Amino acid sequence: MTELTTEQPRSSKIFFSFLPKRSGLIWVLLGLCIFAALLSPAFLNPLNLTNVLRQVALFGIVSVGMTFVILTKGIDLSVGSILGVCAVVTALMLTDGWAPGVVILLVLLAGAALGAVNGLGVTLGGVPPFIMTLGVMVMGRGLALTLANGQPIGLGEAAPKFMWLGRGDFLGLPVPVWIFFVVSAIAIVVLRYTAYGRQIYAVGSNSEAARLSGINVGFVTFSVYVISGMLAALTALIFVSRLTVGEPTAGTGIELEAIAITVIGGTSLFGGEGGIVGTIIGAAILAVLANIMNLIGITPFTQQIVKGAIIVGAVLYEMQRRRRSS
C-alpha cells in the first residue's frame, strides 16, 4: 500500500512537497532582478520589462507543453520544428485570404497532429522519445523549408488583421502574457486537481505500476505529445503575429530553452516530479538572465554556453538529490 501511494501521489502532497523548491526559485528570481537593476538602470525601463514579459510568455507557453512531456519521463525535441512548420502554414493561409479565426483553429490542429505523430511513434512504435522526436525535428524543419521554398513569407495586407495577437495590449499587459497566464492556469488545474493529472505523475513515476493500477499508459503518453505540439503551434501564431512574417527557421533552438526552463523549474528529467508553477518561475529566471547578458553585451553564442551549463548543472543537482534521498 505504501508503494502504491509513492507511485501515485495526491495533488495536495505534490503541491506542498515542492513549496521549498519554489521558494528558493523565487529568491533566485528576486536576486537576479535586483542584480540586473544595480547593473543597469535600463533593466527597470518599462519598455525593457515589457520585452522581458513577452520573452517569458513566448518561451513559457512551449515550456508548459514540455513540462507535461517530461513529467511522463519523456522528451520532445521537435517543438522548434513544429513551431517553424506552423509559422509557415500560418503565413501561407493568411496571404491566401483565410480568416484569422479559421487560421488559428487549423494551425492549432496542425500542431496537435504533428505532436500526435510523436505520440504514436513512442506508444505504438515503441521508439524511444529522444529518437522519435529527434526524427520529427529534422523532418519538420525540412517540411517548413520546403513549404516556404527556403524563404520567409511576409503577411502583406493580412498583417494588420493578425498583429493584435502578438503586439496588442490588454489592461496594460501584452496579449501574449495573458495567453501564457490562461495556458498556465489551465495546466495547473489539470495537473493538480484532475484524475488525468494524477495519471501523468503516476506514469512518470513508474509506468508499470501505473499500468497495473488500471491507467491507460499509452493514452496518457500519447496525449502529452499532442499537448506539446498544440502549444508549440500556439507559440508559432504569436511569433508570426509579432514579426508579421512566417519564417521557416523560426523556433530553432527553442527546444533547448524549453528543456532548460522546465528543469530549472524543478521538473525532474526522471519523470513524476515537478509542476507548472516551477516552470513559470523558471521561464522568468531564464528571461531575466538572458536580459542581463544582453545588457552587459554577452554574445548570443556565449549565452548558449551558459544555458547548456544550466541544463547540465540542474541534472547533476537532481541526480545528487536522488542519491541522498535514496
Protein backbone atom coordinates (compact mmCIF):
# COMPACT_ATOMS: atom_id res chain seq x y z
CA MET A 1 0.00 0.00 0.00
CA THR A 2 2.85 2.38 0.83
CA GLU A 3 4.50 1.66 -2.51
CA LEU A 4 1.32 2.45 -4.46
CA THR A 5 0.94 5.76 -2.61
CA THR A 6 4.51 6.67 -3.55
CA GLU A 7 3.87 5.96 -7.21
CA GLN A 8 0.58 7.89 -7.31
CA PRO A 9 0.98 10.98 -5.07
CA ARG A 10 -2.05 13.08 -4.36
CA SER A 11 -2.14 16.58 -5.90
CA SER A 12 -2.02 18.26 -2.49
CA LYS A 13 1.07 16.29 -1.46
CA ILE A 14 2.79 17.20 -4.71
CA PHE A 15 1.99 20.87 -4.11
CA PHE A 16 3.33 21.01 -0.57
CA SER A 17 6.40 18.90 -1.34
CA PHE A 18 7.52 21.47 -3.89
CA LEU A 19 6.96 24.58 -1.80
CA PRO A 20 10.60 24.75 -0.56
CA LYS A 21 11.95 24.45 -4.12
CA ARG A 22 9.63 27.12 -5.42
CA SER A 23 10.51 29.41 -2.53
CA GLY A 24 14.16 29.02 -3.42
CA LEU A 25 13.45 29.74 -7.06
CA ILE A 26 11.55 32.89 -6.14
CA TRP A 27 14.55 34.12 -4.15
CA VAL A 28 16.82 33.39 -7.10
CA LEU A 29 14.49 35.36 -9.37
CA LEU A 30 14.35 38.31 -6.97
CA GLY A 31 18.13 38.26 -6.60
CA LEU A 32 18.59 38.31 -10.38
CA CYS A 33 16.17 41.24 -10.72
CA ILE A 34 18.00 43.23 -8.01
CA PHE A 35 21.34 42.43 -9.60
CA ALA A 36 20.07 43.48 -13.04
CA ALA A 37 18.68 46.76 -11.65
CA LEU A 38 22.00 47.55 -9.97
CA LEU A 39 23.94 46.53 -13.04
CA SER A 40 21.97 48.69 -15.44
CA PRO A 41 19.16 51.20 -14.82
CA ALA A 42 17.85 50.23 -18.26
CA PHE A 43 16.54 46.98 -16.76
CA LEU A 44 13.76 48.84 -14.94
CA ASN A 45 12.74 50.71 -18.05
CA PRO A 46 9.05 49.88 -18.72
CA LEU A 47 9.80 49.00 -22.33
CA ASN A 48 12.55 46.59 -21.28
CA LEU A 49 10.34 44.98 -18.62
CA THR A 50 7.60 44.55 -21.21
CA ASN A 51 10.05 42.80 -23.52
CA VAL A 52 11.11 40.52 -20.66
CA LEU A 53 7.47 39.61 -20.02
CA ARG A 54 6.98 38.83 -23.71
CA GLN A 55 10.02 36.54 -23.60
CA VAL A 56 8.64 34.82 -20.52
CA ALA A 57 5.32 34.27 -22.29
CA LEU A 58 6.74 33.01 -25.59
CA PHE A 59 9.16 30.52 -24.07
CA GLY A 60 6.82 29.75 -21.19
CA ILE A 61 3.97 28.52 -23.40
CA VAL A 62 6.24 25.96 -25.08
CA SER A 63 7.70 25.03 -21.70
CA VAL A 64 4.27 24.21 -20.28
CA GLY A 65 3.90 21.59 -23.01
CA MET A 66 7.43 20.35 -22.34
CA THR A 67 6.57 20.02 -18.64
CA PHE A 68 3.70 17.66 -19.47
CA VAL A 69 6.04 15.52 -21.58
CA ILE A 70 8.92 15.42 -19.10
CA LEU A 71 6.57 14.55 -16.23
CA THR A 72 5.92 11.26 -18.08
CA LYS A 73 9.70 10.68 -18.33
CA GLY A 74 9.68 11.71 -21.99
CA ILE A 75 11.34 14.45 -24.01
CA ASP A 76 10.21 16.49 -27.03
CA LEU A 77 12.99 17.79 -29.27
CA SER A 78 10.58 18.59 -32.08
CA VAL A 79 8.81 21.65 -30.63
CA GLY A 80 11.06 24.07 -32.51
CA SER A 81 10.41 22.39 -35.84
CA ILE A 82 6.68 22.18 -35.16
CA LEU A 83 6.78 25.89 -34.43
CA GLY A 84 8.55 26.51 -37.75
CA VAL A 85 6.06 24.43 -39.75
CA CYS A 86 3.10 26.12 -38.10
CA ALA A 87 4.63 29.57 -38.67
CA VAL A 88 4.94 28.90 -42.40
CA VAL A 89 1.42 27.40 -42.61
CA THR A 90 0.03 30.43 -40.77
CA ALA A 91 1.66 32.87 -43.20
CA LEU A 92 0.57 30.87 -46.26
CA MET A 93 -3.05 30.70 -45.14
CA LEU A 94 -3.23 34.38 -44.20
CA THR A 95 -1.73 35.51 -47.51
CA ASP A 96 -4.29 33.30 -49.30
CA GLY A 97 -7.08 35.24 -47.62
CA TRP A 98 -8.18 32.83 -44.90
CA ALA A 99 -9.99 34.40 -41.94
CA PRO A 100 -7.71 34.81 -38.89
CA GLY A 101 -10.05 32.84 -36.63
CA VAL A 102 -10.05 29.88 -39.01
CA VAL A 103 -6.28 30.09 -39.37
CA ILE A 104 -5.78 29.98 -35.60
CA LEU A 105 -8.01 26.91 -35.25
CA LEU A 106 -6.43 24.99 -38.14
CA VAL A 107 -2.87 25.80 -37.10
CA LEU A 108 -3.55 24.58 -33.55
CA LEU A 109 -4.93 21.37 -35.04
CA ALA A 110 -1.85 21.07 -37.25
CA GLY A 111 0.41 21.38 -34.22
CA ALA A 112 -1.64 18.76 -32.38
CA ALA A 113 -1.39 16.44 -35.42
CA LEU A 114 2.40 16.76 -35.52
CA GLY A 115 2.50 16.09 -31.79
CA ALA A 116 0.31 13.05 -32.41
CA VAL A 117 2.97 11.71 -34.79
CA ASN A 118 5.42 11.80 -31.89
CA GLY A 119 2.90 10.19 -29.58
CA LEU A 120 2.10 7.36 -31.99
CA GLY A 121 5.76 6.65 -32.63
CA VAL A 122 6.51 6.46 -28.91
CA THR A 123 3.42 4.48 -27.86
CA LEU A 124 2.59 2.21 -30.81
CA GLY A 125 6.01 2.07 -32.45
CA GLY A 126 7.95 1.73 -29.22
CA VAL A 127 10.52 4.28 -30.43
CA PRO A 128 12.40 6.00 -27.57
CA PRO A 129 11.12 9.57 -27.14
CA PHE A 130 14.55 11.08 -27.80
CA ILE A 131 14.91 9.29 -31.16
CA MET A 132 11.28 9.78 -32.22
CA THR A 133 11.17 13.49 -31.52
CA LEU A 134 14.65 13.97 -33.00
CA GLY A 135 13.39 12.43 -36.24
CA VAL A 136 10.30 14.63 -36.29
CA MET A 137 12.51 17.63 -35.53
CA VAL A 138 14.60 17.00 -38.65
CA MET A 139 11.60 16.17 -40.84
CA GLY A 140 9.63 19.15 -39.54
CA ARG A 141 12.40 21.61 -40.31
CA GLY A 142 12.71 20.18 -43.80
CA LEU A 143 8.94 20.44 -44.28
CA ALA A 144 8.94 24.08 -43.18
CA LEU A 145 11.75 24.96 -45.59
CA THR A 146 10.03 23.07 -48.41
CA LEU A 147 6.68 24.77 -47.90
CA ALA A 148 8.34 28.19 -47.81
CA ASN A 149 10.85 27.45 -50.58
CA GLY A 150 13.53 28.39 -48.08
CA GLN A 151 12.32 32.00 -47.88
CA PRO A 152 10.43 34.00 -45.22
CA ILE A 153 6.79 34.61 -46.11
CA GLY A 154 5.52 38.11 -45.35
CA LEU A 155 1.89 38.59 -44.35
CA GLY A 156 1.41 41.61 -46.62
CA GLU A 157 -2.09 43.06 -46.41
CA ALA A 158 -3.12 40.40 -43.89
CA ALA A 159 -0.67 41.72 -41.27
CA PRO A 160 -2.90 44.41 -39.68
CA LYS A 161 -5.69 41.88 -39.06
CA PHE A 162 -3.35 39.50 -37.25
CA MET A 163 -0.92 41.72 -35.37
CA TRP A 164 -3.04 42.09 -32.23
CA LEU A 165 -2.25 38.53 -31.09
CA GLY A 166 1.47 39.21 -30.79
CA ARG A 167 1.68 43.00 -30.47
CA GLY A 168 -1.56 44.00 -28.78
CA ASP A 169 -2.06 45.04 -25.16
CA PHE A 170 -4.89 44.31 -22.77
CA LEU A 171 -5.23 46.06 -19.39
CA GLY A 172 -1.67 47.29 -19.66
CA LEU A 173 -0.08 43.90 -20.37
CA PRO A 174 0.91 42.36 -23.72
CA VAL A 175 -1.61 39.89 -25.11
CA PRO A 176 0.96 37.02 -25.16
CA VAL A 177 1.35 37.42 -21.40
CA TRP A 178 -2.39 36.97 -20.93
CA ILE A 179 -2.31 33.92 -23.19
CA PHE A 180 0.52 32.46 -21.11
CA PHE A 181 -1.45 33.17 -17.95
CA VAL A 182 -4.52 31.33 -19.27
CA VAL A 183 -2.48 28.36 -20.55
CA SER A 184 -0.61 28.09 -17.23
CA ALA A 185 -3.81 28.35 -15.17
CA ILE A 186 -5.45 25.56 -17.17
CA ALA A 187 -2.34 23.40 -16.89
CA ILE A 188 -2.14 23.90 -13.11
CA VAL A 189 -5.77 22.89 -12.65
CA VAL A 190 -5.34 19.83 -14.89
CA LEU A 191 -2.19 18.57 -13.15
CA ARG A 192 -3.27 19.24 -9.57
CA TYR A 193 -6.99 18.67 -9.49
CA THR A 194 -7.92 16.10 -12.16
CA ALA A 195 -7.57 12.35 -12.44
CA TYR A 196 -5.75 12.84 -15.73
CA GLY A 197 -3.12 14.98 -13.98
CA ARG A 198 -2.56 12.32 -11.32
CA GLN A 199 -2.21 9.74 -14.08
CA ILE A 200 0.57 11.81 -15.68
CA TYR A 201 2.52 11.80 -12.43
CA ALA A 202 1.89 8.08 -11.96
CA VAL A 203 3.13 7.22 -15.45
CA GLY A 204 6.26 9.28 -14.92
CA SER A 205 6.95 7.76 -11.51
CA ASN A 206 6.52 4.14 -12.56
CA SER A 207 4.78 3.26 -15.80
CA GLU A 208 4.48 -0.44 -14.97
CA ALA A 209 2.86 0.25 -11.59
CA ALA A 210 0.54 2.74 -13.32
CA ARG A 211 -0.46 0.10 -15.86
CA LEU A 212 -1.14 -2.47 -13.16
CA SER A 213 -3.33 0.05 -11.33
CA GLY A 214 -5.55 0.39 -14.40
CA ILE A 215 -4.15 3.54 -16.02
CA ASN A 216 -4.05 3.62 -19.82
CA VAL A 217 -0.35 4.42 -20.05
CA GLY A 218 -0.37 4.53 -23.85
CA PHE A 219 -3.12 7.13 -23.99
CA VAL A 220 -1.55 9.32 -21.30
CA THR A 221 1.83 9.22 -23.05
CA PHE A 222 0.26 9.91 -26.46
CA SER A 223 -1.78 12.82 -25.12
CA VAL A 224 1.14 14.77 -23.62
CA TYR A 225 2.86 14.92 -27.01
CA VAL A 226 -0.37 16.21 -28.56
CA ILE A 227 -0.49 18.93 -25.88
CA SER A 228 3.15 19.81 -26.51
CA GLY A 229 2.58 20.09 -30.27
CA MET A 230 -0.52 22.25 -29.84
CA LEU A 231 1.27 24.68 -27.51
CA ALA A 232 4.18 24.90 -29.97
CA ALA A 233 1.63 25.83 -32.63
CA LEU A 234 0.14 28.48 -30.33
CA THR A 235 3.62 29.95 -29.90
CA ALA A 236 4.04 29.95 -33.68
CA LEU A 237 0.87 32.02 -34.05
CA ILE A 238 2.24 34.59 -31.62
CA PHE A 239 5.61 34.62 -33.39
CA VAL A 240 4.03 35.27 -36.79
CA SER A 241 1.70 37.91 -35.38
CA ARG A 242 4.56 39.74 -33.71
CA LEU A 243 7.05 39.54 -36.59
CA THR A 244 4.43 39.70 -39.41
CA VAL A 245 6.41 37.05 -41.26
CA GLY A 246 6.35 33.26 -41.47
CA GLU A 247 9.98 32.25 -41.02
CA PRO A 248 10.76 28.57 -41.79
CA THR A 249 13.68 28.67 -39.36
CA ALA A 250 11.53 30.10 -36.55
CA GLY A 251 11.84 28.22 -33.30
CA THR A 252 15.35 26.93 -33.93
CA GLY A 253 16.79 26.03 -30.54
CA ILE A 254 13.60 26.74 -28.62
CA GLU A 255 13.50 23.10 -27.53
CA LEU A 256 16.68 23.75 -25.52
CA GLU A 257 15.10 26.82 -23.96
CA ALA A 258 12.01 24.82 -23.01
CA ILE A 259 14.03 21.97 -21.51
CA ALA A 260 16.19 24.41 -19.55
CA ILE A 261 13.15 26.27 -18.22
CA THR A 262 11.41 23.04 -17.22
CA VAL A 263 14.47 21.65 -15.46
CA ILE A 264 15.25 24.95 -13.73
CA GLY A 265 11.64 24.98 -12.53
CA GLY A 266 12.16 21.73 -10.64
CA THR A 267 10.62 19.21 -13.02
CA SER A 268 12.71 16.04 -12.90
CA LEU A 269 14.02 14.60 -16.16
CA PHE A 270 13.47 11.23 -14.50
CA GLY A 271 9.71 11.85 -14.51
CA GLY A 272 6.99 12.04 -11.90
CA GLU A 273 8.11 15.23 -10.14
CA GLY A 274 7.53 18.88 -10.92
CA GLY A 275 4.77 21.26 -11.93
CA ILE A 276 3.72 24.34 -13.79
CA VAL A 277 4.38 26.90 -11.03
CA GLY A 278 8.05 25.93 -11.12
CA THR A 279 8.03 26.20 -14.91
CA ILE A 280 6.60 29.73 -14.73
CA ILE A 281 9.34 30.81 -12.34
CA GLY A 282 11.94 29.01 -14.44
CA ALA A 283 10.79 30.91 -17.53
CA ALA A 284 11.10 34.19 -15.64
CA ILE A 285 14.58 33.29 -14.36
CA LEU A 286 15.86 32.39 -17.82
CA ALA A 287 14.31 35.51 -19.39
CA VAL A 288 15.85 37.81 -16.77
CA LEU A 289 19.19 36.03 -17.07
CA ALA A 290 19.12 36.45 -20.86
CA ASN A 291 18.23 40.11 -20.43
CA ILE A 292 21.16 40.62 -18.05
CA MET A 293 23.53 39.00 -20.54
CA ASN A 294 22.18 41.27 -23.29
CA LEU A 295 22.61 44.35 -21.09
CA ILE A 296 26.26 43.56 -20.37
CA GLY A 297 26.98 42.71 -24.01
CA ILE A 298 27.42 38.93 -23.89
CA THR A 299 27.05 37.50 -27.40
CA PRO A 300 24.18 35.11 -28.22
CA PHE A 301 26.75 32.37 -28.87
CA THR A 302 28.16 32.66 -25.36
CA GLN A 303 24.63 32.74 -23.97
CA GLN A 304 24.08 29.27 -25.46
CA ILE A 305 27.08 28.03 -23.45
CA VAL A 306 25.55 29.42 -20.27
CA LYS A 307 22.14 27.85 -20.97
CA GLY A 308 23.73 24.49 -21.73
CA ALA A 309 25.70 24.65 -18.50
CA ILE A 310 22.47 25.41 -16.62
CA ILE A 311 20.83 22.26 -18.02
CA VAL A 312 23.81 20.08 -17.09
CA GLY A 313 24.04 21.65 -13.63
CA ALA A 314 20.33 21.16 -12.96
CA VAL A 315 20.50 17.48 -13.97
CA LEU A 316 23.59 16.90 -11.81
CA TYR A 317 21.79 18.53 -8.87
CA GLU A 318 18.75 16.30 -9.45
CA MET A 319 20.93 13.17 -9.55
CA GLN A 320 22.67 14.13 -6.31
CA ARG A 321 19.33 14.87 -4.66
CA ARG A 322 18.01 11.46 -5.69
CA ARG A 323 21.10 9.71 -4.31
CA ARG A 324 20.72 11.49 -0.97
CA SER A 325 17.01 10.70 -0.73
CA SER A 326 17.59 7.03 -1.53
